[in-house]
Amino acid sequence: MAHPHPSLNKMPLLLAAAAVVITAGLWLALALPPSGEQPAGRTADAVASVPKSGRGTLSATQGFSDEPGTPPVHPILPRGEMAAGSRPLLEQLAASIAAHDGERTNRLLAACMAQDPEGTAACLEAASLGQERERLLAQVALLWTPQNPQAALQWAANRQDAAEREFLAGTVYLKWAEANPRDAAAAAERGVLNATRTDVMRNLVGQWSEKDLQSASAWAMKQPGGSTRDELIQQVAIKQAGTYPSEAAALVLKEIPSGIQQNEAIIAVLHQWARHDLPGAKAWAERFPENTGMGGEVRRELEGMEKGW
């Protein structure tokens, strides 16, 4: 199911890319000199990377501008609360953003977040980043969460724009779940999500099921009755169907009330079941009379898989 916020549909790619970015950024941080010791030529390189016209500039007062002919300035993001040693890196980051150098921006952002996540996040949040804003703030969330998920979540929750708040909070929860799905799910349950809550919770319980199916299942079944609980049970059952398909099918029949949601869950479980045991899936499906709507639907699904549709 597509996520209401399109960017959260890209989350698996963002999470995979973050690992590469973090590694590269930490290498860069180690390669740079101690705080305040900027080597000769590095600031000049940063300034030189800012185009002379037509590509935009970034500064605390001017922000990012795509207006042709913008006077070139050395882009700096000063903040009083910024760690002093982070300033040179943030200056380079600003220049890289202004130059539209995505690869260098990713490396510098990872290095800045390793040194001063609060200051870096505050600077980027205050800057006008144009079309790069969503991607860069998502990277902030992905890089900050492994260090301090509570701080990253608080930062995301403070966004004034509701769509941005939902997107960044969802990003934090999903990244958090990679290390600790139980805590991530508990935080999301009492958190700031509204429009995206069901989708994020479903993804969280899916990640949790891969790590600890029994605990994820128990948590999902304790949720208040309703469509969200039904979707969480379905997600657990889909993960369970890969190894214990008959138990997954029984879970769906027991825990999800009869109706459209249960029918969808049964089809999803049978699809997983049939991938590695088509005869077993077909035998289980025989419990549904062929002349019923559900019976006809499961047979069509299994027949399609058998024929490679």
C-alpha atoms as a PDB file:
ATOM      1  CA  MET A   1       0.000   0.000   0.000  1.00  0.00           C
ATOM      2  CA  ALA A   2       1.372   3.401  -0.960  1.00  0.00           C
ATOM      3  CA  HIS A   3       2.096   5.792   1.855  1.00  0.00           C
ATOM      4  CA  PRO A   4      -0.034   8.993   2.052  1.00  0.00           C
ATOM      5  CA  HIS A   5       3.187  10.982   2.078  1.00  0.00           C
ATOM      6  CA  PRO A   6       4.937   9.942  -1.186  1.00  0.00           C
ATOM      7  CA  SER A   7       8.396  10.360   0.315  1.00  0.00           C
ATOM      8  CA  LEU A   8       7.806   7.646   2.885  1.00  0.00           C
ATOM      9  CA  ASN A   9       7.366   5.182   0.027  1.00  0.00           C
ATOM     10  CA  LYS A  10      11.071   5.794  -0.682  1.00  0.00           C
ATOM     11  CA  MET A  11      12.058   4.972   2.868  1.00  0.00           C
ATOM     12  CA  PRO A  12      13.724   1.574   2.169  1.00  0.00           C
ATOM     13  CA  LEU A  13      15.993   3.311  -0.360  1.00  0.00           C
ATOM     14  CA  LEU A  14      16.716   6.166   2.038  1.00  0.00           C
ATOM     15  CA  LEU A  15      17.561   3.791   4.856  1.00  0.00           C
ATOM     16  CA  ALA A  16      19.892   1.783   2.634  1.00  0.00           C
ATOM     17  CA  ALA A  17      21.596   4.918   1.345  1.00  0.00           C
ATOM     18  CA  ALA A  18      22.057   6.247   4.880  1.00  0.00           C
ATOM     19  CA  ALA A  19      24.447   3.441   5.777  1.00  0.00           C
ATOM     20  CA  VAL A  20      26.704   4.429   2.883  1.00  0.00           C
ATOM     21  CA  VAL A  21      26.457   8.112   3.740  1.00  0.00           C
ATOM     22  CA  ILE A  22      27.249   7.570   7.427  1.00  0.00           C
ATOM     23  CA  THR A  23      30.335   5.517   6.614  1.00  0.00           C
ATOM     24  CA  ALA A  24      31.597   8.076   4.120  1.00  0.00           C
ATOM     25  CA  GLY A  25      30.845  10.946   6.470  1.00  0.00           C
ATOM     26  CA  LEU A  26      32.682   9.407   9.388  1.00  0.00           C
ATOM     27  CA  TRP A  27      35.687   8.814   7.132  1.00  0.00           C
ATOM     28  CA  LEU A  28      35.577  12.479   6.185  1.00  0.00           C
ATOM     29  CA  ALA A  29      35.311  13.563   9.807  1.00  0.00           C
ATOM     30  CA  LEU A  30      38.380  11.536  10.687  1.00  0.00           C
ATOM     31  CA  ALA A  31      40.279  12.918   7.713  1.00  0.00           C
ATOM     32  CA  LEU A  32      39.596  16.534   8.698  1.00  0.00           C
ATOM     33  CA  PRO A  33      41.898  18.333  11.134  1.00  0.00           C
ATOM     34  CA  PRO A  34      40.926  19.048  14.754  1.00  0.00           C
ATOM     35  CA  SER A  35      38.297  21.697  15.403  1.00  0.00           C
ATOM     36  CA  GLY A  36      39.322  25.156  14.336  1.00  0.00           C
ATOM     37  CA  GLU A  37      42.401  24.041  12.350  1.00  0.00           C
ATOM     38  CA  GLN A  38      41.198  24.593   8.798  1.00  0.00           C
ATOM     39  CA  PRO A  39      43.965  23.638   6.343  1.00  0.00           C
ATOM     40  CA  ALA A  40      45.047  26.125   3.774  1.00  0.00           C
ATOM     41  CA  GLY A  41      43.007  25.929   0.641  1.00  0.00           C
ATOM     42  CA  ARG A  42      40.010  24.087   2.086  1.00  0.00           C
ATOM     43  CA  THR A  43      37.970  27.220   2.704  1.00  0.00           C
ATOM     44  CA  ALA A  44      39.034  28.498  -0.685  1.00  0.00           C
ATOM     45  CA  ASP A  45      37.875  25.255  -2.240  1.00  0.00           C
ATOM     46  CA  ALA A  46      34.508  25.657  -0.556  1.00  0.00           C
ATOM     47  CA  VAL A  47      34.179  29.197  -1.842  1.00  0.00           C
ATOM     48  CA  ALA A  48      35.258  28.142  -5.317  1.00  0.00           C
ATOM     49  CA  SER A  49      32.581  25.476  -5.375  1.00  0.00           C
ATOM     50  CA  VAL A  50      29.903  28.177  -5.249  1.00  0.00           C
ATOM     51  CA  PRO A  51      28.909  29.086  -8.832  1.00  0.00           C
ATOM     52  CA  LYS A  52      29.373  32.679  -9.873  1.00  0.00           C
ATOM     53  CA  SER A  53      25.860  32.969 -11.262  1.00  0.00           C
ATOM     54  CA  GLY A  54      22.629  31.149 -11.821  1.00  0.00           C
ATOM     55  CA  ARG A  55      23.060  28.279  -9.342  1.00  0.00           C
ATOM     56  CA  GLY A  56      22.145  29.946  -6.065  1.00  0.00           C
ATOM     57  CA  THR A  57      23.755  30.719  -2.731  1.00  0.00           C
ATOM     58  CA  LEU A  58      23.120  29.749   0.851  1.00  0.00           C
ATOM     59  CA  SER A  59      23.615  31.936   3.903  1.00  0.00           C
ATOM     60  CA  ALA A  60      21.906  32.589   7.204  1.00  0.00           C
ATOM     61  CA  THR A  61      20.347  35.799   5.907  1.00  0.00           C
ATOM     62  CA  GLN A  62      19.845  35.133   2.201  1.00  0.00           C
ATOM     63  CA  GLY A  63      18.987  31.438   2.254  1.00  0.00           C
ATOM     64  CA  PHE A  64      19.072  29.429  -0.956  1.00  0.00           C
ATOM     65  CA  SER A  65      18.246  31.287  -4.130  1.00  0.00           C
ATOM     66  CA  ASP A  66      17.726  29.993  -7.660  1.00  0.00           C
ATOM     67  CA  GLU A  67      17.513  33.482  -9.078  1.00  0.00           C
ATOM     68  CA  PRO A  68      20.018  33.982 -11.921  1.00  0.00           C
ATOM     69  CA  GLY A  69      22.718  36.504 -11.212  1.00  0.00           C
ATOM     70  CA  THR A  70      22.689  36.111  -7.426  1.00  0.00           C
ATOM     71  CA  PRO A  71      25.866  37.714  -6.101  1.00  0.00           C
ATOM     72  CA  PRO A  72      28.300  35.019  -4.945  1.00  0.00           C
ATOM     73  CA  VAL A  73      28.923  34.996  -1.214  1.00  0.00           C
ATOM     74  CA  HIS A  74      30.788  32.655   1.052  1.00  0.00           C
ATOM     75  CA  PRO A  75      27.833  30.621   2.405  1.00  0.00           C
ATOM     76  CA  ILE A  76      27.951  30.305   6.189  1.00  0.00           C
ATOM     77  CA  LEU A  77      25.279  29.048   8.549  1.00  0.00           C
ATOM     78  CA  PRO A  78      26.085  30.727  11.889  1.00  0.00           C
ATOM     79  CA  ARG A  79      24.105  29.703  14.962  1.00  0.00           C
ATOM     80  CA  GLY A  80      24.866  30.727  18.536  1.00  0.00           C
ATOM     81  CA  GLU A  81      24.224  27.223  19.859  1.00  0.00           C
ATOM     82  CA  MET A  82      26.490  25.586  17.287  1.00  0.00           C
ATOM     83  CA  ALA A  83      29.586  23.854  18.587  1.00  0.00           C
ATOM     84  CA  ALA A  84      32.551  26.056  17.668  1.00  0.00           C
ATOM     85  CA  GLY A  85      34.463  23.225  16.037  1.00  0.00           C
ATOM     86  CA  SER A  86      31.562  22.469  13.686  1.00  0.00           C
ATOM     87  CA  ARG A  87      31.630  25.864  11.988  1.00  0.00           C
ATOM     88  CA  PRO A  88      34.236  25.045   9.305  1.00  0.00           C
ATOM     89  CA  LEU A  89      32.402  21.872   8.355  1.00  0.00           C
ATOM     90  CA  LEU A  90      29.063  23.691   8.243  1.00  0.00           C
ATOM     91  CA  GLU A  91      30.577  26.358   6.006  1.00  0.00           C
ATOM     92  CA  GLN A  92      31.741  23.654   3.626  1.00  0.00           C
ATOM     93  CA  LEU A  93      28.332  21.986   3.799  1.00  0.00           C
ATOM     94  CA  ALA A  94      26.610  25.248   2.925  1.00  0.00           C
ATOM     95  CA  ALA A  95      28.911  25.769  -0.056  1.00  0.00           C
ATOM     96  CA  SER A  96      28.311  22.219  -1.236  1.00  0.00           C
ATOM     97  CA  ILE A  97      24.527  22.650  -1.049  1.00  0.00           C
ATOM     98  CA  ALA A  98      24.760  25.916  -2.946  1.00  0.00           C
ATOM     99  CA  ALA A  99      26.863  24.200  -5.618  1.00  0.00           C
ATOM    100  CA  HIS A 100      24.325  21.360  -5.954  1.00  0.00           C
ATOM    101  CA  ASP A 101      27.086  18.848  -5.253  1.00  0.00           C
ATOM    102  CA  GLY A 102      24.979  15.987  -3.891  1.00  0.00           C
ATOM    103  CA  GLU A 103      27.759  13.502  -3.205  1.00  0.00           C
ATOM    104  CA  ARG A 104      29.915  15.986  -1.301  1.00  0.00           C
ATOM    105  CA  THR A 105      26.858  17.316   0.527  1.00  0.00           C
ATOM    106  CA  ASN A 106      26.041  13.830   1.777  1.00  0.00           C
ATOM    107  CA  ARG A 107      29.575  13.301   3.080  1.00  0.00           C
ATOM    108  CA  LEU A 108      29.727  16.685   4.771  1.00  0.00           C
ATOM    109  CA  LEU A 109      26.270  16.337   6.268  1.00  0.00           C
ATOM    110  CA  ALA A 110      27.238  13.010   7.833  1.00  0.00           C
ATOM    111  CA  ALA A 111      30.409  14.567   9.246  1.00  0.00           C
ATOM    112  CA  CYS A 112      28.509  17.588  10.630  1.00  0.00           C
ATOM    113  CA  MET A 113      25.880  15.354  12.230  1.00  0.00           C
ATOM    114  CA  ALA A 114      28.594  13.244  13.845  1.00  0.00           C
ATOM    115  CA  GLN A 115      30.097  16.358  15.450  1.00  0.00           C
ATOM    116  CA  ASP A 116      27.055  18.496  16.261  1.00  0.00           C
ATOM    117  CA  PRO A 117      23.634  17.069  15.386  1.00  0.00           C
ATOM    118  CA  GLU A 118      21.621  19.767  17.170  1.00  0.00           C
ATOM    119  CA  GLY A 119      23.493  22.654  15.559  1.00  0.00           C
ATOM    120  CA  THR A 120      23.483  21.073  12.106  1.00  0.00           C
ATOM    121  CA  ALA A 121      19.757  20.328  12.268  1.00  0.00           C
ATOM    122  CA  ALA A 122      18.984  23.858  13.461  1.00  0.00           C
ATOM    123  CA  CYS A 123      21.039  25.393  10.671  1.00  0.00           C
ATOM    124  CA  LEU A 124      19.447  23.344   7.914  1.00  0.00           C
ATOM    125  CA  GLU A 125      15.992  23.862   9.332  1.00  0.00           C
ATOM    126  CA  ALA A 126      16.459  27.642   9.292  1.00  0.00           C
ATOM    127  CA  ALA A 127      17.954  27.737   5.789  1.00  0.00           C
ATOM    128  CA  SER A 128      15.905  28.003   2.615  1.00  0.00           C
ATOM    129  CA  LEU A 129      16.931  24.825   0.814  1.00  0.00           C
ATOM    130  CA  GLY A 130      14.498  24.818  -2.084  1.00  0.00           C
ATOM    131  CA  GLN A 131      13.747  21.424  -3.562  1.00  0.00           C
ATOM    132  CA  GLU A 132      16.551  19.863  -1.516  1.00  0.00           C
ATOM    133  CA  ARG A 133      14.845  20.573   1.821  1.00  0.00           C
ATOM    134  CA  GLU A 134      12.934  17.313   2.165  1.00  0.00           C
ATOM    135  CA  ARG A 135      15.878  15.130   1.192  1.00  0.00           C
ATOM    136  CA  LEU A 136      18.334  16.919   3.475  1.00  0.00           C
ATOM    137  CA  LEU A 137      16.035  16.957   6.483  1.00  0.00           C
ATOM    138  CA  ALA A 138      15.309  13.266   5.947  1.00  0.00           C
ATOM    139  CA  GLN A 139      19.062  12.641   5.997  1.00  0.00           C
ATOM    140  CA  VAL A 140      19.291  14.577   9.268  1.00  0.00           C
ATOM    141  CA  ALA A 141      16.630  12.284  10.762  1.00  0.00           C
ATOM    142  CA  LEU A 142      18.341   9.143   9.465  1.00  0.00           C
ATOM    143  CA  LEU A 143      21.764  10.182  10.744  1.00  0.00           C
ATOM    144  CA  TRP A 144      20.589  11.505  14.105  1.00  0.00           C
ATOM    145  CA  THR A 145      18.323   8.600  15.103  1.00  0.00           C
ATOM    146  CA  PRO A 146      21.081   6.014  15.704  1.00  0.00           C
ATOM    147  CA  GLN A 147      22.863   8.534  17.954  1.00  0.00           C
ATOM    148  CA  ASN A 148      19.848   9.692  19.969  1.00  0.00           C
ATOM    149  CA  PRO A 149      16.376   8.640  18.772  1.00  0.00           C
ATOM    150  CA  GLN A 150      14.555  10.647  21.441  1.00  0.00           C
ATOM    151  CA  ALA A 151      16.337  13.863  20.457  1.00  0.00           C
ATOM    152  CA  ALA A 152      15.758  13.198  16.764  1.00  0.00           C
ATOM    153  CA  LEU A 153      12.078  12.550  17.422  1.00  0.00           C
ATOM    154  CA  GLN A 154      11.696  15.718  19.487  1.00  0.00           C
ATOM    155  CA  TRP A 155      13.276  17.702  16.649  1.00  0.00           C
ATOM    156  CA  ALA A 156      10.914  16.119  14.115  1.00  0.00           C
ATOM    157  CA  ALA A 157       7.880  16.702  16.333  1.00  0.00           C
ATOM    158  CA  ASN A 158       8.665  20.432  16.574  1.00  0.00           C
ATOM    159  CA  ARG A 159       8.143  21.034  12.847  1.00  0.00           C
ATOM    160  CA  GLN A 160       5.392  23.585  12.242  1.00  0.00           C
ATOM    161  CA  ASP A 161       4.384  22.139   8.888  1.00  0.00           C
ATOM    162  CA  ALA A 162       2.123  19.127   9.530  1.00  0.00           C
ATOM    163  CA  ALA A 163       3.196  17.143   6.448  1.00  0.00           C
ATOM    164  CA  GLU A 164       6.882  17.715   7.212  1.00  0.00           C
ATOM    165  CA  ARG A 165       6.329  16.752  10.846  1.00  0.00           C
ATOM    166  CA  GLU A 166       4.610  13.490   9.861  1.00  0.00           C
ATOM    167  CA  PHE A 167       7.261  12.634   7.293  1.00  0.00           C
ATOM    168  CA  LEU A 168      10.241  13.292   9.567  1.00  0.00           C
ATOM    169  CA  ALA A 169       8.684  11.599  12.598  1.00  0.00           C
ATOM    170  CA  GLY A 170       7.875   8.562  10.462  1.00  0.00           C
ATOM    171  CA  THR A 171      11.464   8.538   9.218  1.00  0.00           C
ATOM    172  CA  VAL A 172      12.746   8.545  12.802  1.00  0.00           C
ATOM    173  CA  TYR A 173      10.422   5.733  13.911  1.00  0.00           C
ATOM    174  CA  LEU A 174      11.367   3.477  10.993  1.00  0.00           C
ATOM    175  CA  LYS A 175      15.086   4.081  11.444  1.00  0.00           C
ATOM    176  CA  TRP A 176      14.753   3.540  15.200  1.00  0.00           C
ATOM    177  CA  ALA A 177      13.022   0.209  14.572  1.00  0.00           C
ATOM    178  CA  GLU A 178      16.119  -1.145  12.857  1.00  0.00           C
ATOM    179  CA  ALA A 179      17.829  -1.316  16.266  1.00  0.00           C
ATOM    180  CA  ASN A 180      14.909  -1.417  18.688  1.00  0.00           C
ATOM    181  CA  PRO A 181      11.478  -2.033  17.132  1.00  0.00           C
ATOM    182  CA  ARG A 182       9.746  -2.431  20.500  1.00  0.00           C
ATOM    183  CA  ASP A 183      10.761   1.039  21.691  1.00  0.00           C
ATOM    184  CA  ALA A 184      10.095   2.557  18.273  1.00  0.00           C
ATOM    185  CA  ALA A 185       6.587   1.093  18.178  1.00  0.00           C
ATOM    186  CA  ALA A 186       5.856   2.229  21.726  1.00  0.00           C
ATOM    187  CA  ALA A 187       7.024   5.757  20.887  1.00  0.00           C
ATOM    188  CA  ALA A 188       4.970   5.844  17.697  1.00  0.00           C
ATOM    189  CA  GLU A 189       1.905   4.583  19.548  1.00  0.00           C
ATOM    190  CA  ARG A 190       1.911   7.638  21.840  1.00  0.00           C
ATOM    191  CA  GLY A 191       3.609   9.972  19.376  1.00  0.00           C
ATOM    192  CA  VAL A 192       2.773  12.766  17.000  1.00  0.00           C
ATOM    193  CA  LEU A 193       1.541  10.863  13.952  1.00  0.00           C
ATOM    194  CA  ASN A 194      -1.914  11.522  12.539  1.00  0.00           C
ATOM    195  CA  ALA A 195      -2.438  11.050   8.800  1.00  0.00           C
ATOM    196  CA  THR A 196       0.424   8.579   8.426  1.00  0.00           C
ATOM    197  CA  ARG A 197      -0.002   6.711  11.711  1.00  0.00           C
ATOM    198  CA  THR A 198      -1.482   3.467  10.364  1.00  0.00           C
ATOM    199  CA  ASP A 199       1.062   3.117   7.572  1.00  0.00           C
ATOM    200  CA  VAL A 200       4.009   3.838   9.858  1.00  0.00           C
ATOM    201  CA  MET A 201       2.721   1.451  12.532  1.00  0.00           C
ATOM    202  CA  ARG A 202       2.227  -1.270   9.931  1.00  0.00           C
ATOM    203  CA  ASN A 203       5.799  -0.837   8.692  1.00  0.00           C
ATOM    204  CA  LEU A 204       7.090  -0.824  12.265  1.00  0.00           C
ATOM    205  CA  VAL A 205       5.320  -4.050  13.195  1.00  0.00           C
ATOM    206  CA  GLY A 206       6.619  -5.604   9.977  1.00  0.00           C
ATOM    207  CA  GLN A 207      10.199  -4.767  10.966  1.00  0.00           C
ATOM    208  CA  TRP A 208       9.534  -6.004  14.475  1.00  0.00           C
ATOM    209  CA  SER A 209       8.100  -9.302  13.177  1.00  0.00           C
ATOM    210  CA  GLU A 210      11.310  -9.987  11.314  1.00  0.00           C
ATOM    211  CA  LYS A 211      13.276  -9.676  14.564  1.00  0.00           C
ATOM    212  CA  ASP A 212      10.843 -11.145  17.100  1.00  0.00           C
ATOM    213  CA  LEU A 213       7.622 -12.509  15.641  1.00  0.00           C
ATOM    214  CA  GLN A 214       6.132 -13.593  18.969  1.00  0.00           C
ATOM    215  CA  SER A 215       6.554 -10.207  20.668  1.00  0.00           C
ATOM    216  CA  ALA A 216       5.325  -8.299  17.619  1.00  0.00           C
ATOM    217  CA  SER A 217       2.256 -10.510  17.389  1.00  0.00           C
ATOM    218  CA  ALA A 218       1.462 -10.104  21.097  1.00  0.00           C
ATOM    219  CA  TRP A 219       1.817  -6.320  20.852  1.00  0.00           C
ATOM    220  CA  ALA A 220      -0.401  -6.107  17.746  1.00  0.00           C
ATOM    221  CA  MET A 221      -3.147  -8.185  19.359  1.00  0.00           C
ATOM    222  CA  LYS A 222      -3.226  -5.841  22.369  1.00  0.00           C
ATOM    223  CA  GLN A 223      -4.102  -2.849  20.205  1.00  0.00           C
ATOM    224  CA  PRO A 224      -7.656  -1.470  20.391  1.00  0.00           C
ATOM    225  CA  GLY A 225     -10.078  -3.130  18.012  1.00  0.00           C
ATOM    226  CA  GLY A 226     -10.546  -1.479  14.646  1.00  0.00           C
ATOM    227  CA  SER A 227      -9.076  -1.202  11.191  1.00  0.00           C
ATOM    228  CA  THR A 228      -5.588  -0.254  12.429  1.00  0.00           C
ATOM    229  CA  ARG A 229      -5.373  -3.351  14.612  1.00  0.00           C
ATOM    230  CA  ASP A 230      -6.604  -5.502  11.715  1.00  0.00           C
ATOM    231  CA  GLU A 231      -3.861  -4.122   9.463  1.00  0.00           C
ATOM    232  CA  LEU A 232      -1.220  -4.770  12.113  1.00  0.00           C
ATOM    233  CA  ILE A 233      -2.409  -8.375  12.536  1.00  0.00           C
ATOM    234  CA  GLN A 234      -2.310  -8.786   8.769  1.00  0.00           C
ATOM    235  CA  GLN A 235       1.269  -7.526   8.646  1.00  0.00           C
ATOM    236  CA  VAL A 236       2.329  -9.988  11.365  1.00  0.00           C
ATOM    237  CA  ALA A 237       0.569 -12.819   9.528  1.00  0.00           C
ATOM    238  CA  ILE A 238       2.287 -11.985   6.239  1.00  0.00           C
ATOM    239  CA  LYS A 239       5.697 -12.181   7.936  1.00  0.00           C
ATOM    240  CA  GLN A 240       4.694 -15.374   9.748  1.00  0.00           C
ATOM    241  CA  ALA A 241       3.470 -17.014   6.531  1.00  0.00           C
ATOM    242  CA  GLY A 242       7.024 -17.356   5.278  1.00  0.00           C
ATOM    243  CA  THR A 243       7.851 -19.949   7.924  1.00  0.00           C
ATOM    244  CA  TYR A 244       4.579 -20.944   9.633  1.00  0.00           C
ATOM    245  CA  PRO A 245       1.866 -20.449   7.000  1.00  0.00           C
ATOM    246  CA  SER A 246      -0.894 -22.519   8.604  1.00  0.00           C
ATOM    247  CA  GLU A 247      -0.455 -20.627  11.900  1.00  0.00           C
ATOM    248  CA  ALA A 248      -0.519 -17.327   9.989  1.00  0.00           C
ATOM    249  CA  ALA A 249      -3.757 -18.280   8.259  1.00  0.00           C
ATOM    250  CA  ALA A 250      -5.280 -19.338  11.589  1.00  0.00           C
ATOM    251  CA  LEU A 251      -4.223 -16.005  13.132  1.00  0.00           C
ATOM    252  CA  VAL A 252      -6.035 -14.097  10.395  1.00  0.00           C
ATOM    253  CA  LEU A 253      -9.226 -16.118  10.784  1.00  0.00           C
ATOM    254  CA  LYS A 254      -9.185 -15.753  14.566  1.00  0.00           C
ATOM    255  CA  GLU A 255      -8.097 -12.162  15.081  1.00  0.00           C
ATOM    256  CA  ILE A 256      -9.500 -10.247  12.084  1.00  0.00           C
ATOM    257  CA  PRO A 257     -13.298  -9.989  11.850  1.00  0.00           C
ATOM    258  CA  SER A 258     -14.872 -11.392   8.691  1.00  0.00           C
ATOM    259  CA  GLY A 259     -15.147  -8.870   5.892  1.00  0.00           C
ATOM    260  CA  ILE A 260     -13.007  -7.116   3.323  1.00  0.00           C
ATOM    261  CA  GLN A 261      -9.982  -6.747   5.621  1.00  0.00           C
ATOM    262  CA  GLN A 262      -9.980 -10.426   6.537  1.00  0.00           C
ATOM    263  CA  ASN A 263     -10.358 -11.419   2.893  1.00  0.00           C
ATOM    264  CA  GLU A 264      -7.367  -9.279   1.929  1.00  0.00           C
ATOM    265  CA  ALA A 265      -5.336 -10.780   4.760  1.00  0.00           C
ATOM    266  CA  ILE A 266      -6.213 -14.338   3.728  1.00  0.00           C
ATOM    267  CA  ILE A 267      -5.173 -13.656   0.137  1.00  0.00           C
ATOM    268  CA  ALA A 268      -1.911 -12.063   1.300  1.00  0.00           C
ATOM    269  CA  VAL A 269      -1.073 -15.029   3.546  1.00  0.00           C
ATOM    270  CA  LEU A 270      -1.952 -17.579   0.853  1.00  0.00           C
ATOM    271  CA  HIS A 271       0.233 -15.697  -1.615  1.00  0.00           C
ATOM    272  CA  GLN A 272       3.218 -16.035   0.717  1.00  0.00           C
ATOM    273  CA  TRP A 273       2.343 -19.651   1.485  1.00  0.00           C
ATOM    274  CA  ALA A 274       2.043 -20.639  -2.178  1.00  0.00           C
ATOM    275  CA  ARG A 275       5.458 -19.226  -3.012  1.00  0.00           C
ATOM    276  CA  HIS A 276       7.156 -22.119  -1.232  1.00  0.00           C
ATOM    277  CA  ASP A 277       4.334 -24.654  -0.803  1.00  0.00           C
ATOM    278  CA  LEU A 278       1.641 -24.330  -3.458  1.00  0.00           C
ATOM    279  CA  PRO A 279       0.028 -27.739  -2.747  1.00  0.00           C
ATOM    280  CA  GLY A 280      -0.232 -26.888   0.954  1.00  0.00           C
ATOM    281  CA  ALA A 281      -1.800 -23.506   0.201  1.00  0.00           C
ATOM    282  CA  LYS A 282      -4.300 -25.084  -2.193  1.00  0.00           C
ATOM    283  CA  ALA A 283      -5.221 -27.758   0.360  1.00  0.00           C
ATOM    284  CA  TRP A 284      -5.850 -25.110   3.028  1.00  0.00           C
ATOM    285  CA  ALA A 285      -7.928 -23.042   0.606  1.00  0.00           C
ATOM    286  CA  GLU A 286     -10.294 -25.959   0.091  1.00  0.00           C
ATOM    287  CA  ARG A 287     -11.998 -25.032   3.364  1.00  0.00           C
ATOM    288  CA  PHE A 288     -13.706 -22.203   1.483  1.00  0.00           C
ATOM    289  CA  PRO A 289     -16.580 -23.507  -0.667  1.00  0.00           C
ATOM    290  CA  GLU A 290     -15.936 -22.807  -4.331  1.00  0.00           C
ATOM    291  CA  ASN A 291     -19.336 -21.210  -4.841  1.00  0.00           C
ATOM    292  CA  THR A 292     -18.629 -18.477  -2.252  1.00  0.00           C
ATOM    293  CA  GLY A 293     -16.980 -15.157  -2.969  1.00  0.00           C
ATOM    294  CA  MET A 294     -13.975 -15.977  -0.811  1.00  0.00           C
ATOM    295  CA  GLY A 295     -13.673 -19.479  -2.243  1.00  0.00           C
ATOM    296  CA  GLY A 296     -13.613 -18.181  -5.787  1.00  0.00           C
ATOM    297  CA  GLU A 297     -11.142 -15.428  -4.949  1.00  0.00           C
ATOM    298  CA  VAL A 298      -8.558 -17.667  -3.285  1.00  0.00           C
ATOM    299  CA  ARG A 299      -8.768 -20.192  -6.110  1.00  0.00           C
ATOM    300  CA  ARG A 300      -8.207 -17.513  -8.727  1.00  0.00           C
ATOM    301  CA  GLU A 301      -5.221 -16.182  -6.783  1.00  0.00           C
ATOM    302  CA  LEU A 302      -3.639 -19.619  -6.457  1.00  0.00           C
ATOM    303  CA  GLU A 303      -4.415 -20.541 -10.026  1.00  0.00           C
ATOM    304  CA  GLY A 304      -2.729 -17.365 -11.194  1.00  0.00           C
ATOM    305  CA  MET A 305       0.399 -18.167  -9.177  1.00  0.00           C
ATOM    306  CA  GLU A 306       0.439 -21.727 -10.514  1.00  0.00           C
ATOM    307  CA  LYS A 307       0.311 -20.438 -14.088  1.00  0.00           C
ATOM    308  CA  GLY A 308       2.820 -17.693 -13.423  1.00  0.00           C
ATOM    309  CA  TRP A 309       0.447 -14.801 -14.000  1.00  0.00           C
END
